[in-house]
Structure formats: C-alpha cells, structure tokens
C-alpha atoms as a PDB file:
ATOM      1  CA  UNK A   1     -20.068  22.710  17.489  1.00  0.00           C
ATOM      2  CA  UNK A   2     -20.873  26.065  19.079  1.00  0.00           C
ATOM      3  CA  UNK A   3     -22.686  25.579  22.388  1.00  0.00           C
ATOM      4  CA  UNK A   4     -22.937  29.298  23.124  1.00  0.00           C
ATOM      5  CA  UNK A   5     -26.717  29.003  22.600  1.00  0.00           C
ATOM      6  CA  UNK A   6     -26.923  27.729  26.191  1.00  0.00           C
ATOM      7  CA  UNK A   7     -27.978  30.754  28.214  1.00  0.00           C
ATOM      8  CA  UNK A   8     -28.121  34.341  26.991  1.00  0.00           C
ATOM      9  CA  UNK A   9     -30.886  35.676  24.761  1.00  0.00           C
ATOM     10  CA  UNK A  10     -33.587  33.025  24.412  1.00  0.00           C
ATOM     11  CA  UNK A  11     -34.622  33.988  20.873  1.00  0.00           C
ATOM     12  CA  UNK A  12     -31.055  34.024  19.575  1.00  0.00           C
ATOM     13  CA  UNK A  13     -30.170  30.847  21.412  1.00  0.00           C
ATOM     14  CA  UNK A  14     -33.272  29.136  20.069  1.00  0.00           C
ATOM     15  CA  UNK A  15     -32.338  30.015  16.499  1.00  0.00           C
ATOM     16  CA  UNK A  16     -28.747  28.882  17.015  1.00  0.00           C
ATOM     17  CA  UNK A  17     -29.799  25.564  18.574  1.00  0.00           C
ATOM     18  CA  UNK A  18     -32.238  25.001  15.717  1.00  0.00           C
ATOM     19  CA  UNK A  19     -29.454  25.586  13.184  1.00  0.00           C
ATOM     20  CA  UNK A  20     -27.097  23.274  15.074  1.00  0.00           C
ATOM     21  CA  UNK A  21     -29.793  20.604  15.205  1.00  0.00           C
ATOM     22  CA  UNK A  22     -30.346  20.835  11.467  1.00  0.00           C
ATOM     23  CA  UNK A  23     -26.628  20.562  10.770  1.00  0.00           C
ATOM     24  CA  UNK A  24     -26.294  17.532  13.064  1.00  0.00           C
ATOM     25  CA  UNK A  25     -29.282  15.795  11.426  1.00  0.00           C
ATOM     26  CA  UNK A  26     -27.853  16.442   7.975  1.00  0.00           C
ATOM     27  CA  UNK A  27     -24.427  15.098   8.941  1.00  0.00           C
ATOM     28  CA  UNK A  28     -25.910  11.995  10.580  1.00  0.00           C
ATOM     29  CA  UNK A  29     -28.166  11.295   7.583  1.00  0.00           C
ATOM     30  CA  UNK A  30     -25.263  11.680   5.165  1.00  0.00           C
ATOM     31  CA  UNK A  31     -23.025   9.490   7.304  1.00  0.00           C
ATOM     32  CA  UNK A  32     -25.629   6.727   7.551  1.00  0.00           C
ATOM     33  CA  UNK A  33     -26.182   6.834   3.786  1.00  0.00           C
ATOM     34  CA  UNK A  34     -22.481   6.594   3.011  1.00  0.00           C
ATOM     35  CA  UNK A  35     -21.815   3.952   5.673  1.00  0.00           C
ATOM     36  CA  UNK A  36     -24.702   1.774   4.501  1.00  0.00           C
ATOM     37  CA  UNK A  37     -23.380   1.072   1.020  1.00  0.00           C
ATOM     38  CA  UNK A  38     -19.626   1.017   1.632  1.00  0.00           C
ATOM     39  CA  UNK A  39     -19.249  -2.463   3.185  1.00  0.00           C
ATOM     40  CA  UNK A  40     -21.293  -4.307   0.550  1.00  0.00           C
ATOM     41  CA  UNK A  41     -19.786  -2.205  -2.243  1.00  0.00           C
ATOM     42  CA  UNK A  42     -16.320  -3.283  -1.075  1.00  0.00           C
ATOM     43  CA  UNK A  43     -17.421  -6.938  -1.110  1.00  0.00           C
ATOM     44  CA  UNK A  44     -18.653  -6.573  -4.696  1.00  0.00           C
ATOM     45  CA  UNK A  45     -15.421  -4.807  -5.686  1.00  0.00           C
ATOM     46  CA  UNK A  46     -13.347  -7.618  -4.178  1.00  0.00           C
ATOM     47  CA  UNK A  47     -15.506 -10.254  -5.869  1.00  0.00           C
ATOM     48  CA  UNK A  48     -14.873  -8.732  -9.312  1.00  0.00           C
ATOM     49  CA  UNK A  49     -11.234  -9.897  -9.164  1.00  0.00           C
ATOM     50  CA  UNK A  50     -11.183 -12.388  -6.246  1.00  0.00           C
ATOM     51  CA  UNK A  51      -7.653 -13.655  -6.941  1.00  0.00           C
ATOM     52  CA  UNK A  52      -6.381 -10.058  -6.770  1.00  0.00           C
ATOM     53  CA  UNK A  53      -8.585  -8.784  -3.981  1.00  0.00           C
ATOM     54  CA  UNK A  54      -6.213  -6.073  -2.758  1.00  0.00           C
ATOM     55  CA  UNK A  55      -5.854  -4.698  -6.260  1.00  0.00           C
ATOM     56  CA  UNK A  56      -9.575  -4.578  -6.932  1.00  0.00           C
ATOM     57  CA  UNK A  57     -10.208  -2.938  -3.557  1.00  0.00           C
ATOM     58  CA  UNK A  58      -7.461  -0.419  -4.328  1.00  0.00           C
ATOM     59  CA  UNK A  59      -9.231   0.575  -7.540  1.00  0.00           C
ATOM     60  CA  UNK A  60     -12.527   0.878  -5.668  1.00  0.00           C
ATOM     61  CA  UNK A  61     -11.011   3.044  -2.942  1.00  0.00           C
ATOM     62  CA  UNK A  62      -9.064   5.043  -5.541  1.00  0.00           C
ATOM     63  CA  UNK A  63     -12.384   6.362  -6.826  1.00  0.00           C
ATOM     64  CA  UNK A  64     -13.377   7.422  -3.317  1.00  0.00           C
ATOM     65  CA  UNK A  65     -10.058   9.168  -2.716  1.00  0.00           C
ATOM     66  CA  UNK A  66     -10.342  11.001  -6.038  1.00  0.00           C
ATOM     67  CA  UNK A  67     -13.786  12.238  -5.031  1.00  0.00           C
ATOM     68  CA  UNK A  68     -12.415  13.462  -1.709  1.00  0.00           C
ATOM     69  CA  UNK A  69      -9.529  15.166  -3.523  1.00  0.00           C
ATOM     70  CA  UNK A  70     -11.784  16.996  -5.968  1.00  0.00           C
ATOM     71  CA  UNK A  71     -14.283  17.959  -3.258  1.00  0.00           C
ATOM     72  CA  UNK A  72     -12.166  20.623  -1.486  1.00  0.00           C
ATOM     73  CA  UNK A  73     -11.238  22.220  -4.820  1.00  0.00           C
ATOM     74  CA  UNK A  74     -14.833  22.371  -6.056  1.00  0.00           C
ATOM     75  CA  UNK A  75     -16.289  23.527  -2.739  1.00  0.00           C
ATOM     76  CA  UNK A  76     -13.450  25.988  -2.131  1.00  0.00           C
ATOM     77  CA  UNK A  77     -13.974  27.595  -5.554  1.00  0.00           C
ATOM     78  CA  UNK A  78     -17.756  27.832  -5.072  1.00  0.00           C
ATOM     79  CA  UNK A  79     -17.533  29.219  -1.520  1.00  0.00           C
ATOM     80  CA  UNK A  80     -14.880  31.768  -2.521  1.00  0.00           C
ATOM     81  CA  UNK A  81     -16.948  32.934  -5.489  1.00  0.00           C
ATOM     82  CA  UNK A  82     -20.573  32.764  -4.304  1.00  0.00           C
ATOM     83  CA  UNK A  83     -20.450  32.111  -0.562  1.00  0.00           C
ATOM     84  CA  UNK A  84     -21.163  29.109   1.657  1.00  0.00           C
ATOM     85  CA  UNK A  85     -24.897  28.929   0.907  1.00  0.00           C
ATOM     86  CA  UNK A  86     -24.205  28.255  -2.785  1.00  0.00           C
ATOM     87  CA  UNK A  87     -22.724  24.773  -2.143  1.00  0.00           C
ATOM     88  CA  UNK A  88     -26.220  23.265  -2.584  1.00  0.00           C
ATOM     89  CA  UNK A  89     -25.842  23.572  -6.386  1.00  0.00           C
ATOM     90  CA  UNK A  90     -23.545  20.523  -6.280  1.00  0.00           C
ATOM     91  CA  UNK A  91     -26.370  18.278  -5.035  1.00  0.00           C
ATOM     92  CA  UNK A  92     -28.328  17.947  -8.328  1.00  0.00           C
ATOM     93  CA  UNK A  93     -25.047  17.556 -10.223  1.00  0.00           C
ATOM     94  CA  UNK A  94     -23.941  14.656  -8.024  1.00  0.00           C
ATOM     95  CA  UNK A  95     -27.400  13.073  -8.137  1.00  0.00           C
ATOM     96  CA  UNK A  96     -27.354  13.111 -11.940  1.00  0.00           C
ATOM     97  CA  UNK A  97     -23.862  11.582 -12.078  1.00  0.00           C
ATOM     98  CA  UNK A  98     -24.929   8.814  -9.682  1.00  0.00           C
ATOM     99  CA  UNK A  99     -27.898   7.906 -11.893  1.00  0.00           C
ATOM    100  CA  UNK A 100     -25.702   7.843 -15.005  1.00  0.00           C
ATOM    101  CA  UNK A 101     -23.084   5.629 -13.348  1.00  0.00           C
ATOM    102  CA  UNK A 102     -25.823   3.323 -12.060  1.00  0.00           C
ATOM    103  CA  UNK A 103     -26.957   2.523 -15.591  1.00  0.00           C
ATOM    104  CA  UNK A 104     -23.576   2.655 -17.348  1.00  0.00           C
ATOM    105  CA  UNK A 105     -21.333   0.846 -14.852  1.00  0.00           C
ATOM    106  CA  UNK A 106     -23.674  -1.663 -13.255  1.00  0.00           C
ATOM    107  CA  UNK A 107     -21.747  -4.820 -12.197  1.00  0.00           C
ATOM    108  CA  UNK A 108     -22.939  -8.317 -13.183  1.00  0.00           C
ATOM    109  CA  UNK A 109     -26.193  -9.311 -11.484  1.00  0.00           C
ATOM    110  CA  UNK A 110     -24.737 -12.650 -10.337  1.00  0.00           C
ATOM    111  CA  UNK A 111     -22.521 -10.827  -7.835  1.00  0.00           C
ATOM    112  CA  UNK A 112     -25.661  -9.792  -5.954  1.00  0.00           C
ATOM    113  CA  UNK A 113     -27.324 -13.205  -6.002  1.00  0.00           C
ATOM    114  CA  UNK A 114     -27.714 -15.060  -2.718  1.00  0.00           C
ATOM    115  CA  UNK A 115     -28.014 -18.788  -2.214  1.00  0.00           C
ATOM    116  CA  UNK A 116     -31.600 -19.106  -0.953  1.00  0.00           C
ATOM    117  CA  UNK A 117     -30.991 -22.658   0.275  1.00  0.00           C
ATOM    118  CA  UNK A 118     -28.567 -21.438   2.924  1.00  0.00           C
ATOM    119  CA  UNK A 119     -29.866 -20.112   6.202  1.00  0.00           C
ATOM    120  CA  UNK A 120     -28.894 -16.581   7.212  1.00  0.00           C
ATOM    121  CA  UNK A 121     -25.617 -16.663   9.106  1.00  0.00           C
ATOM    122  CA  UNK A 122     -25.206 -15.130  12.533  1.00  0.00           C
ATOM    123  CA  UNK A 123     -22.497 -12.603  13.283  1.00  0.00           C
ATOM    124  CA  UNK A 124     -20.723 -15.238  15.379  1.00  0.00           C
ATOM    125  CA  UNK A 125     -20.648 -17.637  12.412  1.00  0.00           C
ATOM    126  CA  UNK A 126     -19.499 -14.997   9.908  1.00  0.00           C
ATOM    127  CA  UNK A 127     -16.602 -14.107  12.204  1.00  0.00           C
ATOM    128  CA  UNK A 128     -15.924 -17.836  12.827  1.00  0.00           C
ATOM    129  CA  UNK A 129     -16.208 -17.223  16.558  1.00  0.00           C
ATOM    130  CA  UNK A 130     -13.307 -14.766  16.527  1.00  0.00           C
ATOM    131  CA  UNK A 131     -15.215 -11.825  17.986  1.00  0.00           C
ATOM    132  CA  UNK A 132     -12.341 -10.709  20.298  1.00  0.00           C
ATOM    133  CA  UNK A 133     -10.013 -10.751  17.275  1.00  0.00           C
ATOM    134  CA  UNK A 134     -12.517  -8.658  15.292  1.00  0.00           C
ATOM    135  CA  UNK A 135     -12.667  -6.114  18.119  1.00  0.00           C
ATOM    136  CA  UNK A 136      -8.878  -6.011  18.294  1.00  0.00           C
ATOM    137  CA  UNK A 137      -8.699  -5.475  14.511  1.00  0.00           C
ATOM    138  CA  UNK A 138     -11.210  -2.641  14.859  1.00  0.00           C
ATOM    139  CA  UNK A 139      -9.038  -0.994  17.527  1.00  0.00           C
ATOM    140  CA  UNK A 140      -5.861  -1.328  15.418  1.00  0.00           C
ATOM    141  CA  UNK A 141      -7.530   0.054  12.291  1.00  0.00           C
ATOM    142  CA  UNK A 142      -9.132   2.934  14.211  1.00  0.00           C
ATOM    143  CA  UNK A 143      -5.730   4.031  15.515  1.00  0.00           C
ATOM    144  CA  UNK A 144      -4.239   3.550  12.050  1.00  0.00           C
ATOM    145  CA  UNK A 145      -6.843   5.875  10.509  1.00  0.00           C
ATOM    146  CA  UNK A 146      -6.519   8.785  12.959  1.00  0.00           C
ATOM    147  CA  UNK A 147      -4.159  10.772  10.671  1.00  0.00           C
ATOM    148  CA  UNK A 148      -6.348  10.033   7.641  1.00  0.00           C
ATOM    149  CA  UNK A 149      -9.310  11.625   9.395  1.00  0.00           C
ATOM    150  CA  UNK A 150      -7.351  14.494  10.956  1.00  0.00           C
ATOM    151  CA  UNK A 151      -4.994  15.755   8.252  1.00  0.00           C
ATOM    152  CA  UNK A 152      -7.400  17.762   6.089  1.00  0.00           C
ATOM    153  CA  UNK A 153      -9.015  19.366   9.151  1.00  0.00           C
ATOM    154  CA  UNK A 154      -5.680  20.336  10.689  1.00  0.00           C
ATOM    155  CA  UNK A 155      -4.559  21.791   7.361  1.00  0.00           C
ATOM    156  CA  UNK A 156      -7.705  23.895   7.292  1.00  0.00           C
ATOM    157  CA  UNK A 157      -7.211  25.259  10.822  1.00  0.00           C
ATOM    158  CA  UNK A 158      -3.505  25.961  10.330  1.00  0.00           C
ATOM    159  CA  UNK A 159      -3.976  27.797   7.026  1.00  0.00           C
ATOM    160  CA  UNK A 160      -7.028  29.677   8.266  1.00  0.00           C
ATOM    161  CA  UNK A 161      -4.896  31.171  11.029  1.00  0.00           C
ATOM    162  CA  UNK A 162      -2.599  32.426   8.258  1.00  0.00           C
ATOM    163  CA  UNK A 163      -5.546  34.159   6.495  1.00  0.00           C
ATOM    164  CA  UNK A 164      -5.400  31.824   3.492  1.00  0.00           C
ATOM    165  CA  UNK A 165      -8.511  31.830   1.261  1.00  0.00           C
ATOM    166  CA  UNK A 166     -10.961  28.914   1.197  1.00  0.00           C
ATOM    167  CA  UNK A 167      -9.965  28.052  -2.378  1.00  0.00           C
ATOM    168  CA  UNK A 168      -6.256  27.901  -1.498  1.00  0.00           C
ATOM    169  CA  UNK A 169      -7.019  25.767   1.568  1.00  0.00           C
ATOM    170  CA  UNK A 170      -8.954  23.399  -0.686  1.00  0.00           C
ATOM    171  CA  UNK A 171      -5.997  23.159  -3.054  1.00  0.00           C
ATOM    172  CA  UNK A 172      -3.576  22.259  -0.247  1.00  0.00           C
ATOM    173  CA  UNK A 173      -6.010  19.678   1.166  1.00  0.00           C
ATOM    174  CA  UNK A 174      -6.316  18.169  -2.280  1.00  0.00           C
ATOM    175  CA  UNK A 175      -2.547  17.637  -2.439  1.00  0.00           C
ATOM    176  CA  UNK A 176      -2.891  15.175   0.442  1.00  0.00           C
ATOM    177  CA  UNK A 177      -5.964  13.490  -1.053  1.00  0.00           C
ATOM    178  CA  UNK A 178      -4.568  13.318  -4.598  1.00  0.00           C
ATOM    179  CA  UNK A 179      -1.445  11.689  -3.149  1.00  0.00           C
ATOM    180  CA  UNK A 180      -3.714   9.141  -1.464  1.00  0.00           C
ATOM    181  CA  UNK A 181      -5.291   8.437  -4.856  1.00  0.00           C
ATOM    182  CA  UNK A 182      -1.874   7.890  -6.412  1.00  0.00           C
ATOM    183  CA  UNK A 183      -0.962   5.534  -3.570  1.00  0.00           C
ATOM    184  CA  UNK A 184      -4.092   3.475  -4.154  1.00  0.00           C
ATOM    185  CA  UNK A 185      -3.392   3.362  -7.880  1.00  0.00           C
ATOM    186  CA  UNK A 186       0.116   2.059  -7.154  1.00  0.00           C
ATOM    187  CA  UNK A 187      -1.402  -0.514  -4.796  1.00  0.00           C
ATOM    188  CA  UNK A 188      -3.739  -1.615  -7.579  1.00  0.00           C
ATOM    189  CA  UNK A 189      -0.979  -2.330 -10.080  1.00  0.00           C
ATOM    190  CA  UNK A 190       2.115  -3.018  -7.977  1.00  0.00           C
ATOM    191  CA  UNK A 191       0.922  -4.716  -4.788  1.00  0.00           C
ATOM    192  CA  UNK A 192       1.776  -8.393  -4.288  1.00  0.00           C
ATOM    193  CA  UNK A 193      -0.645 -10.521  -2.311  1.00  0.00           C
ATOM    194  CA  UNK A 194       0.563 -11.775   1.051  1.00  0.00           C
ATOM    195  CA  UNK A 195       2.110  -8.512   2.208  1.00  0.00           C
ATOM    196  CA  UNK A 196      -0.997  -6.970   3.756  1.00  0.00           C
ATOM    197  CA  UNK A 197       0.139  -7.412   7.353  1.00  0.00           C
ATOM    198  CA  UNK A 198       3.608  -6.064   6.580  1.00  0.00           C
ATOM    199  CA  UNK A 199       2.042  -2.918   5.119  1.00  0.00           C
ATOM    200  CA  UNK A 200      -0.162  -2.543   8.209  1.00  0.00           C
ATOM    201  CA  UNK A 201       2.993  -2.549  10.368  1.00  0.00           C
ATOM    202  CA  UNK A 202       5.409  -0.549   8.228  1.00  0.00           C
ATOM    203  CA  UNK A 203       3.197   2.283   6.955  1.00  0.00           C
ATOM    204  CA  UNK A 204       2.227   3.716  10.373  1.00  0.00           C
ATOM    205  CA  UNK A 205       5.911   3.654  11.355  1.00  0.00           C
ATOM    206  CA  UNK A 206       6.854   5.503   8.164  1.00  0.00           C
ATOM    207  CA  UNK A 207       4.275   8.147   8.998  1.00  0.00           C
ATOM    208  CA  UNK A 208       5.818   9.005  12.389  1.00  0.00           C
ATOM    209  CA  UNK A 209       8.767  11.124  11.097  1.00  0.00           C
ATOM    210  CA  UNK A 210       6.347  12.958   8.806  1.00  0.00           C
ATOM    211  CA  UNK A 211       4.161  13.862  11.798  1.00  0.00           C
ATOM    212  CA  UNK A 212       7.239  15.088  13.676  1.00  0.00           C
ATOM    213  CA  UNK A 213       8.079  17.608  10.956  1.00  0.00           C
ATOM    214  CA  UNK A 214       4.470  18.665  10.361  1.00  0.00           C
ATOM    215  CA  UNK A 215       4.091  19.380  14.080  1.00  0.00           C
ATOM    216  CA  UNK A 216       7.055  21.761  14.040  1.00  0.00           C
ATOM    217  CA  UNK A 217       5.771  25.265  14.846  1.00  0.00           C
ATOM    218  CA  UNK A 218       8.065  26.909  12.313  1.00  0.00           C
ATOM    219  CA  UNK A 219       7.164  24.542   9.467  1.00  0.00           C
ATOM    220  CA  UNK A 220       6.668  26.780   6.396  1.00  0.00           C
ATOM    221  CA  UNK A 221       3.596  26.332   4.211  1.00  0.00           C
ATOM    222  CA  UNK A 222       5.620  25.106   1.234  1.00  0.00           C
ATOM    223  CA  UNK A 223       7.251  22.364   3.322  1.00  0.00           C
ATOM    224  CA  UNK A 224       3.924  21.351   4.857  1.00  0.00           C
ATOM    225  CA  UNK A 225       2.414  21.081   1.373  1.00  0.00           C
ATOM    226  CA  UNK A 226       5.401  19.062   0.166  1.00  0.00           C
ATOM    227  CA  UNK A 227       5.176  16.627   3.102  1.00  0.00           C
ATOM    228  CA  UNK A 228       1.501  16.005   2.381  1.00  0.00           C
ATOM    229  CA  UNK A 229       2.561  14.006  -0.701  1.00  0.00           C
ATOM    230  CA  UNK A 230       4.415  11.201   1.139  1.00  0.00           C
ATOM    231  CA  UNK A 231       1.837  11.403   3.936  1.00  0.00           C
ATOM    232  CA  UNK A 232      -0.988  10.725   1.503  1.00  0.00           C
ATOM    233  CA  UNK A 233       0.937   7.950  -0.233  1.00  0.00           C
ATOM    234  CA  UNK A 234       1.974   6.131   2.949  1.00  0.00           C
ATOM    235  CA  UNK A 235      -0.905   6.713   5.358  1.00  0.00           C
ATOM    236  CA  UNK A 236      -3.992   6.812   3.137  1.00  0.00           C
ATOM    237  CA  UNK A 237      -2.866   5.261  -0.135  1.00  0.00           C
ATOM    238  CA  UNK A 238      -1.999   1.946   1.508  1.00  0.00           C
ATOM    239  CA  UNK A 239      -5.288   1.555   3.421  1.00  0.00           C
ATOM    240  CA  UNK A 240      -6.695  -0.999   0.886  1.00  0.00           C
ATOM    241  CA  UNK A 241      -4.219  -3.529   2.325  1.00  0.00           C
ATOM    242  CA  UNK A 242      -6.019  -3.214   5.645  1.00  0.00           C
ATOM    243  CA  UNK A 243      -9.419  -3.903   4.059  1.00  0.00           C
ATOM    244  CA  UNK A 244      -8.066  -6.825   2.038  1.00  0.00           C
ATOM    245  CA  UNK A 245      -6.484  -8.300   5.181  1.00  0.00           C
ATOM    246  CA  UNK A 246      -9.841  -8.247   6.967  1.00  0.00           C
ATOM    247  CA  UNK A 247     -11.555  -9.988   4.021  1.00  0.00           C
ATOM    248  CA  UNK A 248      -8.981 -12.774   4.084  1.00  0.00           C
ATOM    249  CA  UNK A 249      -9.046 -13.009   7.873  1.00  0.00           C
ATOM    250  CA  UNK A 250     -12.849 -13.468   7.862  1.00  0.00           C
ATOM    251  CA  UNK A 251     -13.627 -15.129   4.494  1.00  0.00           C
ATOM    252  CA  UNK A 252     -17.171 -16.085   5.560  1.00  0.00           C
ATOM    253  CA  UNK A 253     -18.109 -12.534   6.499  1.00  0.00           C
ATOM    254  CA  UNK A 254     -16.869 -10.181   3.793  1.00  0.00           C
ATOM    255  CA  UNK A 255     -19.568  -7.616   4.543  1.00  0.00           C
ATOM    256  CA  UNK A 256     -18.774  -7.610   8.251  1.00  0.00           C
ATOM    257  CA  UNK A 257     -15.045  -7.405   7.517  1.00  0.00           C
ATOM    258  CA  UNK A 258     -15.670  -4.378   5.292  1.00  0.00           C
ATOM    259  CA  UNK A 259     -17.899  -2.818   7.942  1.00  0.00           C
ATOM    260  CA  UNK A 260     -15.082  -3.128  10.485  1.00  0.00           C
ATOM    261  CA  UNK A 261     -12.281  -1.710   8.338  1.00  0.00           C
ATOM    262  CA  UNK A 262     -14.195   0.674   6.036  1.00  0.00           C
ATOM    263  CA  UNK A 263     -16.993   1.862   8.293  1.00  0.00           C
ATOM    264  CA  UNK A 264     -16.510   1.346  12.015  1.00  0.00           C
ATOM    265  CA  UNK A 265     -12.738   1.924  11.986  1.00  0.00           C
ATOM    266  CA  UNK A 266     -13.061   5.179  10.061  1.00  0.00           C
ATOM    267  CA  UNK A 267     -15.694   6.262  12.565  1.00  0.00           C
ATOM    268  CA  UNK A 268     -13.461   5.213  15.458  1.00  0.00           C
ATOM    269  CA  UNK A 269     -10.496   7.070  14.002  1.00  0.00           C
ATOM    270  CA  UNK A 270     -12.711  10.093  13.414  1.00  0.00           C
ATOM    271  CA  UNK A 271     -13.847  10.134  17.033  1.00  0.00           C
ATOM    272  CA  UNK A 272     -10.257   9.918  18.289  1.00  0.00           C
ATOM    273  CA  UNK A 273      -9.057  12.684  15.992  1.00  0.00           C
ATOM    274  CA  UNK A 274     -12.042  14.882  16.881  1.00  0.00           C
ATOM    275  CA  UNK A 275     -10.928  14.949  20.513  1.00  0.00           C
ATOM    276  CA  UNK A 276      -7.304  15.570  19.555  1.00  0.00           C
ATOM    277  CA  UNK A 277      -8.100  18.266  17.000  1.00  0.00           C
ATOM    278  CA  UNK A 278     -10.623  20.148  19.132  1.00  0.00           C
ATOM    279  CA  UNK A 279      -8.240  20.173  22.114  1.00  0.00           C
ATOM    280  CA  UNK A 280      -5.305  21.714  20.259  1.00  0.00           C
ATOM    281  CA  UNK A 281      -7.476  24.086  18.240  1.00  0.00           C
ATOM    282  CA  UNK A 282      -8.916  25.396  21.514  1.00  0.00           C
ATOM    283  CA  UNK A 283      -5.342  26.008  22.677  1.00  0.00           C
ATOM    284  CA  UNK A 284      -4.657  27.984  19.501  1.00  0.00           C
ATOM    285  CA  UNK A 285      -1.954  25.507  18.415  1.00  0.00           C
ATOM    286  CA  UNK A 286      -3.493  23.089  15.866  1.00  0.00           C
ATOM    287  CA  UNK A 287      -0.045  22.081  14.582  1.00  0.00           C
ATOM    288  CA  UNK A 288       0.679  20.322  17.900  1.00  0.00           C
ATOM    289  CA  UNK A 289      -2.062  17.805  17.081  1.00  0.00           C
ATOM    290  CA  UNK A 290       0.386  16.125  14.697  1.00  0.00           C
ATOM    291  CA  UNK A 291       2.501  15.165  17.733  1.00  0.00           C
ATOM    292  CA  UNK A 292      -0.563  13.666  19.433  1.00  0.00           C
ATOM    293  CA  UNK A 293      -1.138  11.483  16.353  1.00  0.00           C
ATOM    294  CA  UNK A 294       2.265   9.804  16.753  1.00  0.00           C
ATOM    295  CA  UNK A 295       1.241   7.528  19.691  1.00  0.00           C
ATOM    296  CA  UNK A 296      -1.775   6.405  17.653  1.00  0.00           C
ATOM    297  CA  UNK A 297       0.463   5.349  14.752  1.00  0.00           C
ATOM    298  CA  UNK A 298       2.908   3.618  17.092  1.00  0.00           C
ATOM    299  CA  UNK A 299       0.128   1.667  18.816  1.00  0.00           C
ATOM    300  CA  UNK A 300      -1.375   0.766  15.432  1.00  0.00           C
ATOM    301  CA  UNK A 301       1.946  -0.693  14.262  1.00  0.00           C
ATOM    302  CA  UNK A 302       2.422  -2.657  17.489  1.00  0.00           C
ATOM    303  CA  UNK A 303      -1.156  -3.938  17.331  1.00  0.00           C
ATOM    304  CA  UNK A 304      -0.799  -4.943  13.662  1.00  0.00           C
ATOM    305  CA  UNK A 305       2.315  -6.966  14.510  1.00  0.00           C
ATOM    306  CA  UNK A 306       0.201  -8.951  16.998  1.00  0.00           C
ATOM    307  CA  UNK A 307      -2.448  -9.827  14.400  1.00  0.00           C
ATOM    308  CA  UNK A 308      -2.358 -13.380  12.992  1.00  0.00           C
ATOM    309  CA  UNK A 309      -0.588 -14.069   9.717  1.00  0.00           C
ATOM    310  CA  UNK A 310      -2.776 -14.945   6.729  1.00  0.00           C
ATOM    311  CA  UNK A 311      -2.923 -18.415   5.229  1.00  0.00           C
ATOM    312  CA  UNK A 312       0.225 -19.079   3.218  1.00  0.00           C
ATOM    313  CA  UNK A 313      -1.657 -21.442   0.895  1.00  0.00           C
ATOM    314  CA  UNK A 314      -4.060 -18.767  -0.368  1.00  0.00           C
ATOM    315  CA  UNK A 315      -1.183 -16.304  -0.712  1.00  0.00           C
ATOM    316  CA  UNK A 316       0.801 -18.757  -2.843  1.00  0.00           C
ATOM    317  CA  UNK A 317      -2.214 -19.320  -5.114  1.00  0.00           C
ATOM    318  CA  UNK A 318      -2.688 -15.587  -5.559  1.00  0.00           C
ATOM    319  CA  UNK A 319       1.008 -15.087  -6.275  1.00  0.00           C
ATOM    320  CA  UNK A 320       0.878 -17.777  -8.968  1.00  0.00           C
ATOM    321  CA  UNK A 321      -2.201 -16.183 -10.572  1.00  0.00           C
ATOM    322  CA  UNK A 322      -0.603 -12.736 -10.542  1.00  0.00           C
ATOM    323  CA  UNK A 323       2.637 -14.074 -12.054  1.00  0.00           C
ATOM    324  CA  UNK A 324       0.656 -15.816 -14.784  1.00  0.00           C
END
C-alpha cells in the first residue's frame, strides 16, 4: 500500500487516503465473505464421500484452483484491452454463475441437518482438548502455504520489471495455478488414504530445490515458466492432504479443522509472504524472495514430522473401501 499520502498536499493526500481506505474495505469484505463459507463447504465436500475424504476434498479444492488459474487470464485480457477500471464487468457474470450453480448443483439437504438434541459443542470439546496441537498444526500449515501465497505475486513483480504485458503475466501465473489444479485432480483419483502426513513432510522438501533455481538471478523466463509446473503440482496440488489430515485429527470438529487449514493457515501464510515479498521488492530484487521461502518449507517439513500419526484402524478401513 502506498503511504505517500502522509504529508504533502492535503487535498491530494486526502484523495489518496480515501482511495486506499476503499480498497482496504473491499479487500477485507471479500476476504471475510470467502473465508466464511470455505470451512463449512469443505466439511460438506468431505461428507459427500466420507470413506475417501482426501479425494472428495481434492475435487472441491480443484474447482477453487481452476478458478484461480482462469482469473489471471481473464483479468489480464480485460485490463490489457479496456484498462483496470473495466474489471467490474466480471462481477455480474460471476454472480449469475453462482446463482445457477446454487440451483443446479445443490448437495443433499441431509448434509446440512443438525441434531437438535445435542447441545452446542465448545471449541475445547471439538478439538478434544488438543488446543496446543491445533495451534502447532496452524503454524506448520502456515509455513507450508507461504510459497502458495507468494508465487503468483513474485511472478508478477519479476515479469513487470521485464516490461511484460498484463495479459502475458496472467498467462504465466496461470501455468502455476493450472498445475495446482492438475495436482489436485491426481490427488482425487490416485491418492491412497493414510499417507497424508507423509505428503505433508515430503512435498515441502521437494519444493526446496525448485525455490533454489527460481531464486537464481539469471533464471530465464522460459525456465521459470517451466519450473512453475512441478511447483504447482508439488506445493499447491497436494494441499488437500493437509486439510484431510486435520479432519481426521479432529473428527469432532470438522468445521474448526477446515478453518485452521483452509482459512487461518492461508491467512498466516499470506502474512508471512507479504513481509518477505515487500522486503525484496523494495530492494529491487523480487527473485531473492524465493530463497527466503526455503526456511519456511524446511520448518514446515520438520514440524509435520512432529505431528501425531493418524489412527491406523481408520486408514485400514478406508484402504479396504478404496480397493473394493
């Protein structure tokens, strides 16, 4: 955010502060709206195929990744053609699509029913008293998601310095996000239950060599674009395993588990990457931010290895169901 409105001409600074305030309010409102439905939506998605929870969550998150992948292309084309102020035309289009999907793809009503005989559970009960473990899981997932939140922004800053158009930047960003979609699709159809923790350990470690190459100052654009494919597959495409792990770790609090791994952790990772990205952008070397992401991935892998293993009994039941 530009804080140059502090001092200087009072009329100009007043207009700039007013614009900044409007942007901040819009971002906060959008973030609250998105964050409000994600946890419960993930619970419903997992409940659709409870014996294959990771697969159902992968399909759910695949849709989100596809939306993120198409977004830069659509916005980049509109901004390049008609300018930034024309992006508002997407709002009525999205609103209409949401209404159509609401009526066409509505899940069974029984998934939303609550047992009225049961008293509302406290947060302590939903987490089975494991509040320190929940906080530790939040920390691990936040570190794990730093590259997910940073990659598209770093791509934008790096390519902008090379005078690449907004549409081309959107295309390169979409390579990373489309790869994430493919990874989630593979998770949906190839993932075997019981390996969630292993994925949470291995995938951050696999991302470290990719960050090393992407942080290289002489990395050509074609190589950077090429490396976004494995980065999207490994770092973003496997994130449903993290959400599924939290659901199985806290079976009595699916909504809270989703809030930790799909809401709070993404926010935590976003706050970490914001500091990293802004620091290196201010130095005029955004590519060096990839090196700063490496300790986050290493700590995430170490933290994931310290998390408790899931119940072997439930894993064996899920394996038998999947084999059948």
